[in-house]
Amino acid sequence: MKRKILIAAESGISIRSRADISDAIGACFGTAGLILIEADLASEFFDLRTGLAGEALQKFVNYRMRVAIVVPAPEVHGKRFAELAYEHSTHNAIRFVRSQDEANAWLGG
């Protein structure tokens, strides 16, 4: 049986604060992974100085959750965020992708 891919917006999941990270992880257990789009993420997520993105990514990795983050144009969030997205474009647990189709293909494959 194929495991379900969770789509954050359809599942009531968003990352607006550090507290939301644990809720997202809990919802992901037993699934093929989670798809987050830009609208599911607080603006602080894209400002790497806040640490929200770093903490979220690290916790997803620690709990072995596969997460696809759809950001069509990472460079609009600044050079450092674009570098982070590029570094995770081939990561085995957290992957930044440019479309939801790409996210589905990676998580479903």
Protein backbone atom coordinates (compact mmCIF):
# COMPACT_ATOMS: atom_id res chain seq x y z
CA MET A 1 0.00 0.00 0.00
CA LYS A 2 1.31 3.40 -0.99
CA ARG A 3 1.75 5.87 1.86
CA LYS A 4 -0.04 9.20 1.69
CA ILE A 5 1.73 12.44 0.87
CA LEU A 6 0.50 15.20 3.19
CA ILE A 7 -0.18 18.60 1.68
CA ALA A 8 0.24 21.10 4.48
CA ALA A 9 -2.56 23.49 3.53
CA GLU A 10 -5.07 20.64 3.16
CA SER A 11 -4.01 19.17 6.51
CA GLY A 12 -4.07 22.38 8.56
CA ILE A 13 -0.27 22.42 8.86
CA SER A 14 1.82 25.57 8.76
CA ILE A 15 5.14 26.68 10.20
CA ARG A 16 4.50 30.09 11.78
CA SER A 17 6.51 29.53 14.97
CA ARG A 18 8.85 27.01 16.58
CA ALA A 19 5.84 25.38 18.30
CA ASP A 20 4.35 24.52 14.90
CA ILE A 21 7.36 22.37 14.01
CA SER A 22 6.43 19.62 16.50
CA ASP A 23 2.82 19.63 15.31
CA ALA A 24 3.96 19.22 11.70
CA ILE A 25 6.26 16.34 12.64
CA GLY A 26 3.48 14.60 14.57
CA ALA A 27 1.16 14.85 11.58
CA CYS A 28 3.81 13.32 9.29
CA PHE A 29 4.34 10.01 11.09
CA GLY A 30 3.39 7.13 8.82
CA THR A 31 3.24 9.25 5.68
CA ALA A 32 5.43 9.39 2.58
CA GLY A 33 6.22 13.01 3.38
CA LEU A 34 4.97 16.56 3.61
CA ILE A 35 4.60 19.27 0.99
CA LEU A 36 4.91 22.83 2.24
CA ILE A 37 4.40 25.84 -0.03
CA GLU A 38 5.51 29.40 0.62
CA ALA A 39 2.11 30.39 2.02
CA ASP A 40 2.48 27.68 4.71
CA LEU A 41 5.62 29.35 6.06
CA ALA A 42 6.03 32.46 8.20
CA SER A 43 8.10 35.29 6.74
CA GLU A 44 10.64 34.53 9.51
CA PHE A 45 11.29 31.17 7.86
CA PHE A 46 12.87 32.95 4.90
CA ASP A 47 15.01 35.22 7.13
CA LEU A 48 17.69 32.73 8.13
CA ARG A 49 18.88 34.97 10.98
CA THR A 50 15.73 34.06 12.95
CA GLY A 51 16.73 30.39 13.09
CA LEU A 52 13.19 29.19 12.31
CA ALA A 53 14.16 27.50 9.04
CA GLY A 54 17.28 25.95 10.55
CA GLU A 55 15.39 24.52 13.49
CA ALA A 56 12.58 23.18 11.30
CA LEU A 57 14.94 21.55 8.81
CA GLN A 58 17.06 20.00 11.55
CA LYS A 59 14.05 18.55 13.35
CA PHE A 60 12.62 17.11 10.14
CA VAL A 61 15.98 15.45 9.48
CA ASN A 62 16.29 14.19 13.07
CA TYR A 63 12.84 12.57 12.88
CA ARG A 64 13.55 11.22 9.38
CA MET A 65 10.65 13.10 7.81
CA ARG A 66 10.74 13.73 4.08
CA VAL A 67 9.68 17.28 3.33
CA ALA A 68 9.37 19.04 -0.01
CA ILE A 69 9.29 22.81 0.24
CA VAL A 70 7.87 24.50 -2.85
CA VAL A 71 9.58 27.83 -3.49
CA PRO A 72 9.34 28.74 -7.19
CA ALA A 73 11.90 31.57 -6.94
CA PRO A 74 14.15 31.19 -3.86
CA GLU A 75 16.28 34.16 -4.90
CA VAL A 76 13.45 36.59 -4.07
CA HIS A 77 14.07 35.75 -0.39
CA GLY A 78 17.70 36.84 -0.56
CA LYS A 79 21.07 35.37 -1.41
CA ARG A 80 21.49 33.29 1.75
CA PHE A 81 18.06 31.69 1.40
CA ALA A 82 18.71 30.97 -2.28
CA GLU A 83 21.99 29.27 -1.27
CA LEU A 84 20.15 27.16 1.32
CA ALA A 85 17.54 26.14 -1.26
CA TYR A 86 20.27 25.25 -3.75
CA GLU A 87 22.14 23.15 -1.15
CA HIS A 88 18.91 21.24 -0.46
CA SER A 89 17.92 20.76 -4.10
CA THR A 90 19.26 17.19 -3.97
CA HIS A 91 19.03 16.47 -0.21
CA ASN A 92 17.60 13.07 0.69
CA ALA A 93 15.24 14.33 3.43
CA ILE A 94 14.52 18.02 2.86
CA ARG A 95 14.21 19.18 -0.70
CA PHE A 96 13.47 22.63 -2.05
CA VAL A 97 11.59 22.34 -5.33
CA ARG A 98 10.07 24.85 -7.74
CA SER A 99 6.62 23.27 -8.21
CA GLN A 100 4.10 21.05 -6.49
CA ASP A 101 4.40 18.56 -9.36
CA GLU A 102 8.12 18.30 -8.66
CA ALA A 103 7.36 17.80 -4.95
CA ASN A 104 4.87 15.01 -5.69
CA ALA A 105 7.28 13.31 -8.06
CA TRP A 106 10.10 13.33 -5.49
CA LEU A 107 8.00 12.21 -2.51
CA GLY A 108 6.08 9.64 -4.51
CA GLY A 109 9.16 8.18 -6.15
